[in-house]
Protein backbone atom coordinates (compact mmCIF):
# COMPACT_ATOMS: atom_id res chain seq x y z
CA UNK A 1 6.53 21.08 -9.33
CA UNK A 2 4.41 22.26 -12.23
CA UNK A 3 3.39 19.54 -14.68
CA UNK A 4 2.61 20.28 -18.33
CA UNK A 5 0.65 17.83 -20.45
CA UNK A 6 3.58 17.63 -22.86
CA UNK A 7 5.53 16.00 -20.02
CA UNK A 8 3.03 13.14 -19.66
CA UNK A 9 3.52 9.82 -21.46
CA UNK A 10 1.46 9.79 -24.65
CA UNK A 11 -0.55 6.74 -23.55
CA UNK A 12 -1.51 8.44 -20.28
CA UNK A 13 -2.15 11.95 -21.62
CA UNK A 14 -5.80 11.73 -22.70
CA UNK A 15 -6.92 10.07 -19.48
CA UNK A 16 -4.98 12.68 -17.53
CA UNK A 17 -6.81 15.49 -19.32
CA UNK A 18 -10.19 13.91 -18.60
CA UNK A 19 -9.36 13.51 -14.92
CA UNK A 20 -8.24 17.12 -14.58
CA UNK A 21 -11.41 18.38 -16.26
CA UNK A 22 -13.69 16.15 -14.18
CA UNK A 23 -12.31 17.37 -10.83
CA UNK A 24 -8.65 16.90 -10.16
CA UNK A 25 -8.49 17.86 -6.48
CA UNK A 26 -9.72 15.84 -3.51
CA UNK A 27 -11.20 18.24 -1.00
CA UNK A 28 -12.46 16.96 2.34
CA UNK A 29 -16.05 17.20 1.10
CA UNK A 30 -15.17 15.22 -2.02
CA UNK A 31 -13.46 12.55 0.05
CA UNK A 32 -16.58 12.26 2.16
CA UNK A 33 -18.88 12.12 -0.86
CA UNK A 34 -16.83 9.43 -2.56
CA UNK A 35 -16.67 7.44 0.65
CA UNK A 36 -20.45 7.63 1.01
CA UNK A 37 -21.03 6.59 -2.60
CA UNK A 38 -18.59 3.70 -2.38
CA UNK A 39 -20.43 2.26 0.62
CA UNK A 40 -23.67 2.31 -1.36
CA UNK A 41 -22.14 0.77 -4.47
CA UNK A 42 -19.95 -2.09 -3.34
CA UNK A 43 -17.59 -3.43 -5.98
CA UNK A 44 -18.44 -6.97 -7.08
CA UNK A 45 -15.63 -9.28 -8.10
CA UNK A 46 -16.50 -11.23 -11.23
CA UNK A 47 -13.53 -13.17 -12.51
CA UNK A 48 -13.47 -16.82 -13.50
CA UNK A 49 -9.68 -17.04 -13.38
CA UNK A 50 -9.31 -16.70 -9.59
CA UNK A 51 -11.24 -17.52 -6.44
CA UNK A 52 -12.59 -14.68 -4.33
CA UNK A 53 -13.98 -15.03 -0.81
CA UNK A 54 -14.64 -12.79 2.17
CA UNK A 55 -14.04 -13.42 5.84
CA UNK A 56 -14.56 -11.43 9.00
CA UNK A 57 -11.82 -11.36 11.60
CA UNK A 58 -11.86 -9.96 15.12
CA UNK A 59 -9.99 -6.84 16.06
CA UNK A 60 -8.47 -6.69 19.52
CA UNK A 61 -11.40 -4.50 20.66
CA UNK A 62 -13.87 -7.23 19.69
CA UNK A 63 -15.24 -5.53 16.56
CA UNK A 64 -15.10 -7.28 13.19
CA UNK A 65 -13.13 -6.42 10.08
CA UNK A 66 -13.85 -7.68 6.58
CA UNK A 67 -10.99 -9.11 4.60
CA UNK A 68 -10.95 -10.15 0.95
CA UNK A 69 -9.08 -13.32 -0.02
CA UNK A 70 -7.94 -14.03 -3.56
CA UNK A 71 -6.72 -17.54 -4.42
CA UNK A 72 -5.90 -19.55 -7.55
CA UNK A 73 -8.71 -21.73 -8.90
CA UNK A 74 -6.76 -24.78 -7.76
CA UNK A 75 -5.18 -23.78 -4.43
CA UNK A 76 -1.73 -25.03 -3.53
CA UNK A 77 -0.17 -25.67 -0.14
CA UNK A 78 2.89 -23.93 1.23
CA UNK A 79 2.59 -20.84 -0.96
CA UNK A 80 3.50 -17.23 -0.09
CA UNK A 81 0.97 -15.14 1.79
CA UNK A 82 0.63 -11.60 0.44
CA UNK A 83 -1.02 -8.91 2.54
CA UNK A 84 -2.04 -6.09 0.18
CA UNK A 85 -3.24 -2.70 1.46
CA UNK A 86 -5.29 -0.61 -0.97
CA UNK A 87 -4.74 3.07 -1.68
CA UNK A 88 -7.05 6.07 -1.57
CA UNK A 89 -5.27 8.78 0.38
CA UNK A 90 -6.09 6.93 3.63
CA UNK A 91 -9.64 8.28 3.19
CA UNK A 92 -11.35 6.25 0.45
CA UNK A 93 -11.05 2.97 -1.44
CA UNK A 94 -11.82 -0.69 -0.93
CA UNK A 95 -9.84 -3.95 -1.04
CA UNK A 96 -11.60 -5.14 -4.20
CA UNK A 97 -9.71 -2.59 -6.31
CA UNK A 98 -6.52 -4.55 -5.60
CA UNK A 99 -7.57 -7.33 -7.98
CA UNK A 100 -5.08 -6.09 -10.61
CA UNK A 101 -2.21 -6.98 -8.27
CA UNK A 102 -3.85 -10.14 -6.95
CA UNK A 103 -4.08 -11.63 -10.43
CA UNK A 104 -0.46 -10.81 -11.25
CA UNK A 105 0.92 -12.34 -8.07
CA UNK A 106 -1.33 -15.40 -8.21
CA UNK A 107 -0.25 -16.07 -11.80
CA UNK A 108 3.37 -15.84 -10.68
CA UNK A 109 3.19 -17.91 -7.51
CA UNK A 110 -0.25 -19.41 -6.72
CA UNK A 111 -0.07 -17.25 -3.60
CA UNK A 112 -2.89 -16.42 -1.21
CA UNK A 113 -3.53 -12.69 -1.52
CA UNK A 114 -5.30 -11.03 1.40
CA UNK A 115 -6.65 -7.48 1.31
CA UNK A 116 -8.20 -5.95 4.47
CA UNK A 117 -11.10 -3.51 4.43
CA UNK A 118 -9.29 -1.30 6.91
CA UNK A 119 -10.90 1.67 8.65
CA UNK A 120 -10.60 4.87 6.65
CA UNK A 121 -9.67 8.32 7.91
CA UNK A 122 -13.12 9.72 7.03
CA UNK A 123 -14.41 7.84 10.06
CA UNK A 124 -11.30 6.76 11.98
CA UNK A 125 -7.99 8.63 11.63
CA UNK A 126 -4.56 7.27 12.56
CA UNK A 127 -3.82 4.77 14.03
CA UNK A 128 -6.95 2.82 12.98
CA UNK A 129 -5.72 1.81 9.50
CA UNK A 130 -2.35 0.68 10.84
CA UNK A 131 -3.97 -1.28 13.65
CA UNK A 132 -6.21 -3.07 11.12
CA UNK A 133 -3.27 -3.85 8.85
CA UNK A 134 -1.30 -5.25 11.77
CA UNK A 135 -4.23 -7.33 13.00
CA UNK A 136 -4.53 -8.82 9.51
CA UNK A 137 -0.83 -9.65 9.44
CA UNK A 138 -1.03 -11.39 12.83
CA UNK A 139 -4.12 -13.28 11.67
CA UNK A 140 -2.23 -14.48 8.59
CA UNK A 141 0.61 -15.73 10.75
CA UNK A 142 -1.64 -17.56 13.22
CA UNK A 143 -3.82 -19.05 10.45
CA UNK A 144 -1.04 -19.89 8.02
CA UNK A 145 -1.78 -23.62 8.03
CA UNK A 146 -5.51 -23.17 7.37
CA UNK A 147 -4.77 -20.65 4.61
CA UNK A 148 -2.21 -22.93 3.00
CA UNK A 149 0.58 -20.36 3.23
CA UNK A 150 4.17 -20.65 4.40
CA UNK A 151 4.67 -18.50 7.46
CA UNK A 152 8.28 -17.89 6.43
CA UNK A 153 7.11 -16.03 3.33
CA UNK A 154 4.68 -13.45 4.66
CA UNK A 155 4.90 -10.50 2.28
CA UNK A 156 3.34 -7.05 2.54
CA UNK A 157 2.52 -4.55 -0.19
CA UNK A 158 0.25 -1.70 -1.10
CA UNK A 159 -0.20 1.23 -3.44
CA UNK A 160 -0.25 4.95 -2.61
CA UNK A 161 -1.65 5.27 0.93
CA UNK A 162 -1.49 1.47 1.01
CA UNK A 163 2.19 1.82 0.19
CA UNK A 164 2.49 4.25 3.08
CA UNK A 165 0.78 1.75 5.37
CA UNK A 166 3.10 -0.96 4.09
CA UNK A 167 6.19 1.08 5.00
CA UNK A 168 4.69 1.95 8.39
CA UNK A 169 3.62 -1.65 9.03
CA UNK A 170 7.09 -3.07 8.41
CA UNK A 171 8.55 -0.53 10.84
CA UNK A 172 5.92 -1.38 13.43
CA UNK A 173 6.25 -5.15 12.99
CA UNK A 174 10.04 -4.88 13.28
CA UNK A 175 9.77 -2.94 16.52
CA UNK A 176 7.07 -5.16 18.04
CA UNK A 177 8.93 -8.38 17.23
CA UNK A 178 5.78 -10.52 17.03
CA UNK A 179 5.84 -11.39 13.34
CA UNK A 180 8.57 -11.42 10.70
CA UNK A 181 7.99 -10.10 7.16
CA UNK A 182 9.98 -11.59 4.29
CA UNK A 183 9.48 -8.89 1.63
CA UNK A 184 7.71 -5.56 1.15
CA UNK A 185 6.25 -3.80 -1.91
CA UNK A 186 5.28 -0.18 -1.06
CA UNK A 187 4.36 1.20 -4.49
CA UNK A 188 4.55 5.01 -4.93
CA UNK A 189 4.02 5.30 -1.17
CA UNK A 190 2.40 8.19 0.70
CA UNK A 191 4.93 8.49 3.51
CA UNK A 192 5.80 12.13 4.25
CA UNK A 193 3.20 14.41 5.85
CA UNK A 194 5.61 17.36 5.82
CA UNK A 195 5.26 17.77 2.02
CA UNK A 196 8.54 19.66 1.76
CA UNK A 197 10.16 17.98 -1.24
CA UNK A 198 10.30 19.60 -4.68
CA UNK A 199 7.87 17.09 -6.20
CA UNK A 200 5.35 17.58 -3.36
CA UNK A 201 5.24 21.39 -3.55
CA UNK A 202 2.88 23.03 -6.02
CA UNK A 203 2.30 19.79 -7.91
CA UNK A 204 -0.66 20.06 -10.30
CA UNK A 205 -0.44 16.62 -11.94
CA UNK A 206 -3.58 14.57 -12.70
CA UNK A 207 -5.08 12.12 -10.18
CA UNK A 208 -3.21 13.31 -7.05
CA UNK A 209 -1.81 16.81 -6.61
CA UNK A 210 -0.40 18.86 -3.74
CA UNK A 211 -3.81 20.08 -2.57
CA UNK A 212 -5.20 16.55 -2.47
CA UNK A 213 -2.10 15.48 -0.59
CA UNK A 214 -2.58 18.21 2.02
CA UNK A 215 -6.24 17.27 2.53
CA UNK A 216 -5.47 13.55 2.70
CA UNK A 217 -2.83 13.98 5.39
CA UNK A 218 -5.01 16.38 7.36
CA UNK A 219 -7.81 13.81 7.54
CA UNK A 220 -5.51 10.93 8.36
CA UNK A 221 -3.48 12.58 11.10
CA UNK A 222 -6.27 14.51 12.79
CA UNK A 223 -4.88 16.51 15.72
CA UNK A 224 -1.34 15.42 14.88
CA UNK A 225 -1.42 17.18 11.52
CA UNK A 226 1.03 20.04 11.22
CA UNK A 227 2.84 19.15 14.44
CA UNK A 228 6.29 17.74 15.10
CA UNK A 229 4.76 14.84 17.00
CA UNK A 230 3.85 12.68 13.99
CA UNK A 231 5.32 9.20 14.59
CA UNK A 232 7.04 7.13 11.92
CA UNK A 233 4.20 4.61 12.21
CA UNK A 234 1.95 7.30 10.71
CA UNK A 235 4.44 8.74 8.21
CA UNK A 236 7.29 6.35 7.54
CA UNK A 237 9.56 9.07 6.10
CA UNK A 238 9.96 10.36 9.66
CA UNK A 239 11.79 7.21 10.72
CA UNK A 240 15.38 7.60 11.84
CA UNK A 241 16.12 3.86 11.78
CA UNK A 242 15.77 1.78 8.60
CA UNK A 243 17.77 -1.20 9.79
CA UNK A 244 16.41 -4.75 9.81
CA UNK A 245 13.54 -3.96 7.45
CA UNK A 246 12.56 -6.49 4.77
CA UNK A 247 13.99 -6.49 1.24
CA UNK A 248 11.96 -4.07 -0.86
CA UNK A 249 10.66 -3.30 -4.32
CA UNK A 250 8.97 -0.05 -5.30
CA UNK A 251 8.38 2.20 -8.27
CA UNK A 252 7.07 5.72 -8.77
CA UNK A 253 6.17 8.09 -11.59
CA UNK A 254 8.46 11.06 -12.17
CA UNK A 255 5.57 13.58 -12.29
CA UNK A 256 3.80 12.81 -9.05
CA UNK A 257 4.02 14.36 -5.58
CA UNK A 258 5.50 11.21 -4.00
CA UNK A 259 8.50 11.00 -6.34
CA UNK A 260 11.10 12.61 -4.10
CA UNK A 261 9.96 11.04 -0.84
CA UNK A 262 10.08 7.63 -2.53
CA UNK A 263 13.61 8.32 -3.79
CA UNK A 264 14.69 9.35 -0.28
CA UNK A 265 13.02 6.29 1.26
CA UNK A 266 14.92 4.02 -1.13
CA UNK A 267 18.20 5.79 -0.33
CA UNK A 268 17.58 5.39 3.39
CA UNK A 269 16.91 1.68 3.00
CA UNK A 270 20.04 1.17 0.93
CA UNK A 271 22.17 3.07 3.45
CA UNK A 272 20.85 0.66 6.10
CA UNK A 273 21.92 -2.31 3.96
CA UNK A 274 18.43 -3.32 2.84
CA UNK A 275 18.22 -4.86 -0.67
CA UNK A 276 16.00 -2.63 -2.83
CA UNK A 277 14.77 -2.85 -6.42
CA UNK A 278 13.56 0.55 -7.61
CA UNK A 279 12.52 2.24 -10.84
CA UNK A 280 11.22 5.67 -11.79
CA UNK A 281 8.85 5.71 -14.77
CA UNK A 282 9.09 8.86 -16.83
CA UNK A 283 5.98 10.71 -17.95
CA UNK A 284 3.84 9.08 -15.30
CA UNK A 285 1.44 10.62 -12.80
CA UNK A 286 0.15 9.03 -9.62
CA UNK A 287 -1.49 5.62 -9.91
CA UNK A 288 -0.86 5.40 -13.65
CA UNK A 289 -0.72 1.60 -13.53
CA UNK A 290 -4.30 1.40 -12.27
CA UNK A 291 -5.70 4.38 -14.18
CA UNK A 292 -4.31 3.17 -17.54
CA UNK A 293 -3.80 -0.61 -17.17
CA UNK A 294 -3.35 -1.22 -20.92
CA UNK A 295 -0.67 1.44 -21.47
CA UNK A 296 2.73 0.21 -22.60
CA UNK A 297 4.45 1.89 -19.67
CA UNK A 298 2.04 0.21 -17.24
CA UNK A 299 3.00 -3.16 -18.68
CA UNK A 300 6.66 -2.29 -18.11
CA UNK A 301 5.97 -1.26 -14.51
CA UNK A 302 4.00 -4.41 -13.73
CA UNK A 303 6.63 -6.57 -15.38
CA UNK A 304 9.27 -4.95 -13.19
CA UNK A 305 7.11 -5.54 -10.09
CA UNK A 306 6.35 -9.18 -10.90
CA UNK A 307 9.98 -9.95 -11.79
CA UNK A 308 11.07 -8.53 -8.43
CA UNK A 309 8.34 -10.52 -6.69
CA UNK A 310 9.47 -13.72 -8.39
CA UNK A 311 13.07 -13.05 -7.32
CA UNK A 312 11.83 -12.59 -3.74
CA UNK A 313 10.05 -15.95 -3.90
CA UNK A 314 13.37 -17.66 -4.53
CA UNK A 315 15.61 -15.62 -2.25
CA UNK A 316 13.77 -14.01 0.68
CA UNK A 317 12.46 -15.87 3.71
CA UNK A 318 11.76 -14.78 7.29
CA UNK A 319 11.35 -17.57 9.81
CA UNK A 320 8.90 -16.94 12.63
CA UNK A 321 10.36 -17.10 16.11
CA UNK A 322 8.58 -19.76 18.14
CA UNK A 323 8.96 -17.51 21.19
CA UNK A 324 7.06 -14.69 19.50
CA UNK A 325 3.75 -14.11 21.21
CA UNK A 326 0.90 -12.02 19.86
CA UNK A 327 -1.18 -12.11 22.99
CA UNK A 328 0.36 -9.22 24.89
CA UNK A 329 0.17 -6.41 22.37
CA UNK A 330 0.38 -2.80 23.43
CA UNK A 331 -1.50 0.10 21.89
CA UNK A 332 0.03 1.93 18.96
CA UNK A 333 1.18 5.22 20.37
CA UNK A 334 0.09 8.52 18.87
């Protein structure tokens, strides 16, 4: 899908031009450079409207993972727990960049918003990121009382690759049966490694194009890339069973590579009887809500997201089964 600048929303157009001029394609070397630079220049959260803390939790192999916790200035008890998984093509990024969503959800619900610093494909390809996301979800369930969250409103969301991990995580959690998720928010998710849809082929849009998509999947899947053996826990679009997944909200721009796979994902959920709120935003490239946070269309997208989140607060609950045990977990299969 070839994208002309005249197709881009007027509030997003200038930024899109700048991005394309600066270097619009993520090659493997660029992923590695950005990853290296990000580790040297950690993002510092400075915001006097929310609390921000860090904790380290144990993975099942005994290593430690950093998680970022965002809370309201005056914490409440019995609030929703939101696990948010950041984007970055599975290869780059950090949980601090999710502050834009943390603030919106905290304003709406006083929730506890937890963002893991999951292992990236530059160093650890699939299934490392999914394992880390799942470990964080189990930790939230087992520490619900200490965190002040209701374990019947554990919600999961993420943007881009984080949206892909969200979709994969809900499939995996459903199949494992150790923790129940009340609601999911996979925004413009990266879920189909096959890249065969119209929007994914020959896409030259700003921020994330077809070449970047190819390189991102290649890094994430490693030896699985290009094979027919990619599991749905790596690329959720490969699932053949969408039943018993949580109610869902998502949105996507009409100019980006993930448009068609998001549309198909929504259709699959609806066919399985899953409640879904979905919007396509015209004139929008990938990640427009974070790239241009003040744009009018971004405000519309975030309003749609928050309204759907607030509806979920009133209507969607998932009680935890007292017989669920997290102590006998098996490895995620390649």
